[in-house]
Amino acid sequence: EQVYDLVYHVQILPAHLLDTIPHERLGSSAFAQAP
């Protein structure tokens, strides 16, 4: 189930918008309000 694990469990995120936001602040970020 190698392919399954790669494609099922993960939805790809935009690095250019999220790599500067600490994960603990993501829920209150502008991105979370309008993904």
All heavy atoms as atom14 arrays in JSON, in Angstrom:
{
  "sequence": "EQVYDLVYHVQILPAHLLDTIPHERLGSSAFAQAP",
  "atom14_mask": [
    [1, 1, 1, 1, 1, 1, 1, 1, 1, 0, 0, 0, 0, 0],
    [1, 1, 1, 1, 1, 1, 1, 1, 1, 0, 0, 0, 0, 0],
    [1, 1, 1, 1, 1, 1, 1, 0, 0, 0, 0, 0, 0, 0],
    [1, 1, 1, 1, 1, 1, 1, 1, 1, 1, 1, 1, 0, 0],
    [1, 1, 1, 1, 1, 1, 1, 1, 0, 0, 0, 0, 0, 0],
    [1, 1, 1, 1, 1, 1, 1, 1, 0, 0, 0, 0, 0, 0],
    [1, 1, 1, 1, 1, 1, 1, 0, 0, 0, 0, 0, 0, 0],
    [1, 1, 1, 1, 1, 1, 1, 1, 1, 1, 1, 1, 0, 0],
    [1, 1, 1, 1, 1, 1, 1, 1, 1, 1, 0, 0, 0, 0],
    [1, 1, 1, 1, 1, 1, 1, 0, 0, 0, 0, 0, 0, 0],
    [1, 1, 1, 1, 1, 1, 1, 1, 1, 0, 0, 0, 0, 0],
    [1, 1, 1, 1, 1, 1, 1, 1, 0, 0, 0, 0, 0, 0],
    [1, 1, 1, 1, 1, 1, 1, 1, 0, 0, 0, 0, 0, 0],
    [1, 1, 1, 1, 1, 1, 1, 0, 0, 0, 0, 0, 0, 0],
    [1, 1, 1, 1, 1, 0, 0, 0, 0, 0, 0, 0, 0, 0],
    [1, 1, 1, 1, 1, 1, 1, 1, 1, 1, 0, 0, 0, 0],
    [1, 1, 1, 1, 1, 1, 1, 1, 0, 0, 0, 0, 0, 0],
    [1, 1, 1, 1, 1, 1, 1, 1, 0, 0, 0, 0, 0, 0],
    [1, 1, 1, 1, 1, 1, 1, 1, 0, 0, 0, 0, 0, 0],
    [1, 1, 1, 1, 1, 1, 1, 0, 0, 0, 0, 0, 0, 0],
    [1, 1, 1, 1, 1, 1, 1, 1, 0, 0, 0, 0, 0, 0],
    [1, 1, 1, 1, 1, 1, 1, 0, 0, 0, 0, 0, 0, 0],
    [1, 1, 1, 1, 1, 1, 1, 1, 1, 1, 0, 0, 0, 0],
    [1, 1, 1, 1, 1, 1, 1, 1, 1, 0, 0, 0, 0, 0],
    [1, 1, 1, 1, 1, 1, 1, 1, 1, 1, 1, 0, 0, 0],
    [1, 1, 1, 1, 1, 1, 1, 1, 0, 0, 0, 0, 0, 0],
    [1, 1, 1, 1, 0, 0, 0, 0, 0, 0, 0, 0, 0, 0],
    [1, 1, 1, 1, 1, 1, 0, 0, 0, 0, 0, 0, 0, 0],
    [1, 1, 1, 1, 1, 1, 0, 0, 0, 0, 0, 0, 0, 0],
    [1, 1, 1, 1, 1, 0, 0, 0, 0, 0, 0, 0, 0, 0],
    [1, 1, 1, 1, 1, 1, 1, 1, 1, 1, 1, 0, 0, 0],
    [1, 1, 1, 1, 1, 0, 0, 0, 0, 0, 0, 0, 0, 0],
    [1, 1, 1, 1, 1, 1, 1, 1, 1, 0, 0, 0, 0, 0],
    [1, 1, 1, 1, 1, 0, 0, 0, 0, 0, 0, 0, 0, 0],
    [1, 1, 1, 1, 1, 1, 1, 0, 0, 0, 0, 0, 0, 0]
  ],
  "atom14_positions": [
    [[0.81, -1.22, 0.0], [0.0, 0.0, 0.0], [0.84, 1.27, 0.0], [0.43, 2.29, 0.54], [-0.96, -0.01, 1.19], [-2.03, -1.09, 1.11], [-3.08, -0.96, 2.2], [-2.7, -0.67, 3.35], [-4.27, -1.14, 1.9], [0.0, 0.0, 0.0], [0.0, 0.0, 0.0], [0.0, 0.0, 0.0], [0.0, 0.0, 0.0], [0.0, 0.0, 0.0]],
    [[1.99, 1.24, -0.63], [2.84, 2.43, -0.66], [2.15, 3.59, -1.38], [2.1, 4.71, -0.87], [4.17, 2.1, -1.34], [5.09, 1.22, -0.52], [6.34, 0.84, -1.28], [6.4, 0.94, -2.52], [7.35, 0.37, -0.57], [0.0, 0.0, 0.0], [0.0, 0.0, 0.0], [0.0, 0.0, 0.0], [0.0, 0.0, 0.0], [0.0, 0.0, 0.0]],
    [[1.62, 3.35, -2.58], [0.95, 4.43, -3.32], [-0.26, 4.93, -2.55], [-0.5, 6.14, -2.44], [0.54, 3.94, -4.73], [-0.31, 5.0, -5.44], [1.77, 3.64, -5.56], [0.0, 0.0, 0.0], [0.0, 0.0, 0.0], [0.0, 0.0, 0.0], [0.0, 0.0, 0.0], [0.0, 0.0, 0.0], [0.0, 0.0, 0.0], [0.0, 0.0, 0.0]],
    [[-1.03, 4.0, -1.99], [-2.21, 4.39, -1.22], [-1.84, 5.32, -0.07], [-2.49, 6.35, 0.16], [-2.9, 3.13, -0.69], [-4.0, 3.4, 0.31], [-5.22, 3.91, -0.1], [-3.8, 3.15, 1.66], [-6.23, 4.16, 0.82], [-4.8, 3.4, 2.58], [-6.02, 3.9, 2.16], [-7.0, 4.15, 3.07], [0.0, 0.0, 0.0], [0.0, 0.0, 0.0]],
    [[-0.79, 4.99, 0.68], [-0.4, 5.83, 1.8], [0.01, 7.22, 1.34], [-0.29, 8.23, 2.02], [0.75, 5.18, 2.58], [0.27, 4.06, 3.5], [-0.95, 3.97, 3.73], [1.12, 3.29, 3.99], [0.0, 0.0, 0.0], [0.0, 0.0, 0.0], [0.0, 0.0, 0.0], [0.0, 0.0, 0.0], [0.0, 0.0, 0.0], [0.0, 0.0, 0.0]],
    [[0.68, 7.31, 0.2], [1.11, 8.62, -0.3], [-0.07, 9.48, -0.75], [-0.09, 10.69, -0.5], [2.09, 8.44, -1.47], [3.43, 7.79, -1.16], [4.25, 7.7, -2.44], [4.18, 8.56, -0.09], [0.0, 0.0, 0.0], [0.0, 0.0, 0.0], [0.0, 0.0, 0.0], [0.0, 0.0, 0.0], [0.0, 0.0, 0.0], [0.0, 0.0, 0.0]],
    [[-1.03, 8.87, -1.42], [-2.09, 9.67, -2.04], [-3.32, 9.82, -1.16], [-4.07, 10.8, -1.33], [-2.49, 9.1, -3.41], [-1.27, 8.93, -4.3], [-3.24, 7.78, -3.28], [0.0, 0.0, 0.0], [0.0, 0.0, 0.0], [0.0, 0.0, 0.0], [0.0, 0.0, 0.0], [0.0, 0.0, 0.0], [0.0, 0.0, 0.0], [0.0, 0.0, 0.0]],
    [[-3.54, 8.91, -0.24], [-4.8, 8.98, 0.51], [-4.69, 9.9, 1.73], [-5.57, 10.7, 1.98], [-5.24, 7.59, 0.97], [-6.59, 7.64, 1.67], [-7.77, 7.57, 0.93], [-6.68, 7.83, 3.03], [-8.99, 7.67, 1.55], [-7.91, 7.93, 3.66], [-9.06, 7.84, 2.91], [-10.28, 7.96, 3.54], [0.0, 0.0, 0.0], [0.0, 0.0, 0.0]],
    [[-3.63, 9.77, 2.47], [-3.54, 10.44, 3.77], [-3.18, 11.92, 3.68], [-3.3, 12.64, 4.67], [-2.52, 9.73, 4.66], [-2.85, 8.3, 4.94], [-3.94, 7.93, 5.7], [-2.25, 7.16, 4.54], [-3.99, 6.61, 5.77], [-3.0, 6.11, 5.07], [0.0, 0.0, 0.0], [0.0, 0.0, 0.0], [0.0, 0.0, 0.0], [0.0, 0.0, 0.0]],
    [[-2.73, 12.37, 2.52], [-2.15, 13.71, 2.41], [-2.83, 14.52, 1.31], [-2.96, 14.06, 0.18], [-0.63, 13.62, 2.13], [-0.05, 15.02, 1.95], [0.08, 12.87, 3.24], [0.0, 0.0, 0.0], [0.0, 0.0, 0.0], [0.0, 0.0, 0.0], [0.0, 0.0, 0.0], [0.0, 0.0, 0.0], [0.0, 0.0, 0.0], [0.0, 0.0, 0.0]],
    [[-3.27, 15.72, 1.67], [-3.75, 16.7, 0.69], [-2.7, 17.81, 0.6], [-2.28, 18.35, 1.62], [-5.1, 17.27, 1.11], [-6.24, 16.27, 0.96], [-7.5, 16.73, 1.7], [-7.54, 16.7, 2.92], [-8.51, 17.13, 0.96], [0.0, 0.0, 0.0], [0.0, 0.0, 0.0], [0.0, 0.0, 0.0], [0.0, 0.0, 0.0], [0.0, 0.0, 0.0]],
    [[-2.29, 18.13, -0.59], [-1.15, 19.03, -0.79], [-1.53, 20.47, -0.45], [-2.61, 20.97, -0.83], [-0.64, 18.94, -2.24], [-0.33, 17.47, -2.57], [0.6, 19.81, -2.42], [0.66, 16.81, -1.62], [0.0, 0.0, 0.0], [0.0, 0.0, 0.0], [0.0, 0.0, 0.0], [0.0, 0.0, 0.0], [0.0, 0.0, 0.0], [0.0, 0.0, 0.0]],
    [[-0.62, 21.14, 0.26], [-0.83, 22.51, 0.74], [0.08, 23.49, 0.0], [1.15, 23.1, -0.48], [-0.52, 22.58, 2.24], [-1.41, 21.71, 3.15], [-0.8, 21.62, 4.55], [-2.81, 22.3, 3.21], [0.0, 0.0, 0.0], [0.0, 0.0, 0.0], [0.0, 0.0, 0.0], [0.0, 0.0, 0.0], [0.0, 0.0, 0.0], [0.0, 0.0, 0.0]],
    [[-0.31, 24.77, -0.08], [0.51, 25.77, -0.78], [1.67, 26.27, 0.08], [1.47, 27.05, 1.02], [-0.5, 26.89, -1.08], [-1.52, 26.77, 0.02], [-1.61, 25.31, 0.35], [0.0, 0.0, 0.0], [0.0, 0.0, 0.0], [0.0, 0.0, 0.0], [0.0, 0.0, 0.0], [0.0, 0.0, 0.0], [0.0, 0.0, 0.0], [0.0, 0.0, 0.0]],
    [[2.87, 25.85, -0.24], [4.03, 26.24, 0.56], [4.26, 27.74, 0.53], [4.66, 28.34, 1.53], [5.28, 25.51, 0.04], [0.0, 0.0, 0.0], [0.0, 0.0, 0.0], [0.0, 0.0, 0.0], [0.0, 0.0, 0.0], [0.0, 0.0, 0.0], [0.0, 0.0, 0.0], [0.0, 0.0, 0.0], [0.0, 0.0, 0.0], [0.0, 0.0, 0.0]],
    [[3.98, 28.37, -0.6], [4.27, 29.81, -0.71], [3.38, 30.65, 0.19], [3.69, 31.81, 0.46], [4.14, 30.27, -2.17], [2.73, 30.29, -2.68], [2.01, 29.15, -2.96], [1.89, 31.34, -2.98], [0.81, 29.48, -3.42], [0.71, 30.8, -3.44], [0.0, 0.0, 0.0], [0.0, 0.0, 0.0], [0.0, 0.0, 0.0], [0.0, 0.0, 0.0]],
    [[2.29, 30.09, 0.68], [1.4, 30.82, 1.58], [1.54, 30.38, 3.04], [1.18, 31.14, 3.94], [-0.06, 30.62, 1.14], [-0.43, 31.16, -0.24], [-1.86, 30.76, -0.58], [-0.27, 32.67, -0.28], [0.0, 0.0, 0.0], [0.0, 0.0, 0.0], [0.0, 0.0, 0.0], [0.0, 0.0, 0.0], [0.0, 0.0, 0.0], [0.0, 0.0, 0.0]],
    [[2.07, 29.18, 3.28], [2.06, 28.64, 4.63], [3.43, 28.48, 5.27], [3.51, 28.28, 6.48], [1.36, 27.27, 4.62], [-0.11, 27.26, 4.2], [-0.68, 25.84, 4.3], [-0.93, 28.21, 5.06], [0.0, 0.0, 0.0], [0.0, 0.0, 0.0], [0.0, 0.0, 0.0], [0.0, 0.0, 0.0], [0.0, 0.0, 0.0], [0.0, 0.0, 0.0]],
    [[4.51, 28.55, 4.49], [5.81, 28.24, 5.08], [6.3, 29.29, 6.05], [7.28, 29.06, 6.78], [6.85, 27.97, 3.99], [7.08, 29.15, 3.07], [6.41, 30.19, 3.24], [7.92, 29.03, 2.15], [0.0, 0.0, 0.0], [0.0, 0.0, 0.0], [0.0, 0.0, 0.0], [0.0, 0.0, 0.0], [0.0, 0.0, 0.0], [0.0, 0.0, 0.0]],
    [[5.66, 30.44, 6.1], [6.06, 31.48, 7.08], [5.1, 31.54, 8.26], [5.3, 32.38, 9.15], [6.1, 32.86, 6.39], [4.81, 33.16, 5.86], [7.14, 32.88, 5.28], [0.0, 0.0, 0.0], [0.0, 0.0, 0.0], [0.0, 0.0, 0.0], [0.0, 0.0, 0.0], [0.0, 0.0, 0.0], [0.0, 0.0, 0.0], [0.0, 0.0, 0.0]],
    [[4.08, 30.67, 8.29], [3.09, 30.69, 9.37], [3.37, 29.52, 10.31], [3.27, 28.36, 9.9], [1.65, 30.59, 8.84], [1.36, 31.7, 7.83], [0.65, 30.63, 9.98], [-0.02, 31.6, 7.19], [0.0, 0.0, 0.0], [0.0, 0.0, 0.0], [0.0, 0.0, 0.0], [0.0, 0.0, 0.0], [0.0, 0.0, 0.0], [0.0, 0.0, 0.0]],
    [[3.75, 29.77, 11.57], [3.91, 28.66, 12.52], [2.59, 27.88, 12.63], [1.52, 28.47, 12.62], [4.26, 29.36, 13.83], [4.78, 30.71, 13.43], [4.03, 31.07, 12.18], [0.0, 0.0, 0.0], [0.0, 0.0, 0.0], [0.0, 0.0, 0.0], [0.0, 0.0, 0.0], [0.0, 0.0, 0.0], [0.0, 0.0, 0.0], [0.0, 0.0, 0.0]],
    [[2.7, 26.57, 12.71], [1.48, 25.76, 12.69], [0.55, 26.11, 13.84], [-0.67, 26.07, 13.69], [1.82, 24.27, 12.72], [0.61, 23.41, 12.49], [-0.14, 22.87, 13.52], [-0.01, 23.01, 11.35], [-1.15, 22.18, 13.01], [-1.09, 22.25, 11.71], [0.0, 0.0, 0.0], [0.0, 0.0, 0.0], [0.0, 0.0, 0.0], [0.0, 0.0, 0.0]],
    [[1.1, 26.47, 14.98], [0.24, 26.8, 16.12], [-0.57, 28.07, 15.89], [-1.55, 28.32, 16.6], [1.07, 26.93, 17.4], [2.14, 28.01, 17.39], [3.48, 27.51, 16.84], [3.49, 26.44, 16.18], [4.49, 28.2, 17.06], [0.0, 0.0, 0.0], [0.0, 0.0, 0.0], [0.0, 0.0, 0.0], [0.0, 0.0, 0.0], [0.0, 0.0, 0.0]],
    [[-0.18, 28.87, 14.88], [-0.92, 30.09, 14.55], [-1.79, 29.94, 13.3], [-2.49, 30.88, 12.92], [0.05, 31.26, 14.35], [0.86, 31.6, 15.6], [1.79, 32.77, 15.33], [2.64, 33.06, 16.48], [3.61, 33.97, 16.49], [3.83, 34.69, 15.38], [4.33, 34.17, 17.56], [0.0, 0.0, 0.0], [0.0, 0.0, 0.0], [0.0, 0.0, 0.0]],
    [[-1.72, 28.77, 12.68], [-2.43, 28.58, 11.42], [-3.94, 28.72, 11.59], [-4.63, 29.31, 10.74], [-2.1, 27.2, 10.84], [-2.76, 26.83, 9.51], [-2.46, 27.87, 8.44], [-2.31, 25.45, 9.07], [0.0, 0.0, 0.0], [0.0, 0.0, 0.0], [0.0, 0.0, 0.0], [0.0, 0.0, 0.0], [0.0, 0.0, 0.0], [0.0, 0.0, 0.0]],
    [[-4.5, 28.19, 12.68], [-5.94, 28.24, 12.89], [-6.5, 29.64, 13.0], [-7.69, 29.86, 12.71], [0.0, 0.0, 0.0], [0.0, 0.0, 0.0], [0.0, 0.0, 0.0], [0.0, 0.0, 0.0], [0.0, 0.0, 0.0], [0.0, 0.0, 0.0], [0.0, 0.0, 0.0], [0.0, 0.0, 0.0], [0.0, 0.0, 0.0], [0.0, 0.0, 0.0]],
    [[-5.69, 30.6, 13.4], [-6.16, 31.99, 13.54], [-5.65, 32.88, 12.42], [-5.82, 34.1, 12.48], [-5.69, 32.56, 14.89], [-4.27, 32.52, 15.01], [0.0, 0.0, 0.0], [0.0, 0.0, 0.0], [0.0, 0.0, 0.0], [0.0, 0.0, 0.0], [0.0, 0.0, 0.0], [0.0, 0.0, 0.0], [0.0, 0.0, 0.0], [0.0, 0.0, 0.0]],
    [[-5.05, 32.29, 11.4], [-4.46, 33.08, 10.32], [-5.49, 33.5, 9.29], [-6.61, 32.97, 9.25], [-3.37, 32.27, 9.62], [-3.94, 31.16, 8.94], [0.0, 0.0, 0.0], [0.0, 0.0, 0.0], [0.0, 0.0, 0.0], [0.0, 0.0, 0.0], [0.0, 0.0, 0.0], [0.0, 0.0, 0.0], [0.0, 0.0, 0.0], [0.0, 0.0, 0.0]],
    [[-5.11, 34.43, 8.44], [-5.99, 34.86, 7.35], [-6.23, 33.71, 6.38], [-7.31, 33.6, 5.8], [-5.36, 36.05, 6.62], [0.0, 0.0, 0.0], [0.0, 0.0, 0.0], [0.0, 0.0, 0.0], [0.0, 0.0, 0.0], [0.0, 0.0, 0.0], [0.0, 0.0, 0.0], [0.0, 0.0, 0.0], [0.0, 0.0, 0.0], [0.0, 0.0, 0.0]],
    [[-5.24, 32.83, 6.22], [-5.41, 31.67, 5.33], [-6.54, 30.77, 5.82], [-7.33, 30.26, 5.02], [-4.1, 30.89, 5.26], [-4.16, 29.7, 4.35], [-3.85, 29.82, 3.01], [-4.53, 28.45, 4.83], [-3.91, 28.73, 2.15], [-4.58, 27.35, 3.99], [-4.28, 27.48, 2.65], [0.0, 0.0, 0.0], [0.0, 0.0, 0.0], [0.0, 0.0, 0.0]],
    [[-6.63, 30.57, 7.12], [-7.69, 29.71, 7.67], [-9.07, 30.31, 7.48], [-10.07, 29.57, 7.4], [-7.43, 29.44, 9.16], [0.0, 0.0, 0.0], [0.0, 0.0, 0.0], [0.0, 0.0, 0.0], [0.0, 0.0, 0.0], [0.0, 0.0, 0.0], [0.0, 0.0, 0.0], [0.0, 0.0, 0.0], [0.0, 0.0, 0.0], [0.0, 0.0, 0.0]],
    [[-9.15, 31.61, 7.4], [-10.44, 32.28, 7.21], [-10.91, 32.22, 5.76], [-12.11, 32.28, 5.48], [-10.35, 33.74, 7.66], [-9.92, 33.92, 9.1], [-10.77, 33.14, 10.07], [-12.01, 33.22, 10.03], [-10.13, 32.38, 10.95], [0.0, 0.0, 0.0], [0.0, 0.0, 0.0], [0.0, 0.0, 0.0], [0.0, 0.0, 0.0], [0.0, 0.0, 0.0]],
    [[-9.98, 32.09, 4.83], [-10.31, 32.0, 3.4], [-9.26, 31.12, 2.73], [-8.34, 31.62, 2.08], [-10.36, 33.38, 2.76], [0.0, 0.0, 0.0], [0.0, 0.0, 0.0], [0.0, 0.0, 0.0], [0.0, 0.0, 0.0], [0.0, 0.0, 0.0], [0.0, 0.0, 0.0], [0.0, 0.0, 0.0], [0.0, 0.0, 0.0], [0.0, 0.0, 0.0]],
    [[-9.37, 29.81, 2.89], [-8.33, 28.9, 2.4], [-8.16, 28.97, 0.88], [-9.12, 29.14, 0.13], [-8.85, 27.51, 2.82], [-9.85, 27.77, 3.9], [-10.46, 29.09, 3.57], [0.0, 0.0, 0.0], [0.0, 0.0, 0.0], [0.0, 0.0, 0.0], [0.0, 0.0, 0.0], [0.0, 0.0, 0.0], [0.0, 0.0, 0.0], [0.0, 0.0, 0.0]]
  ]
}
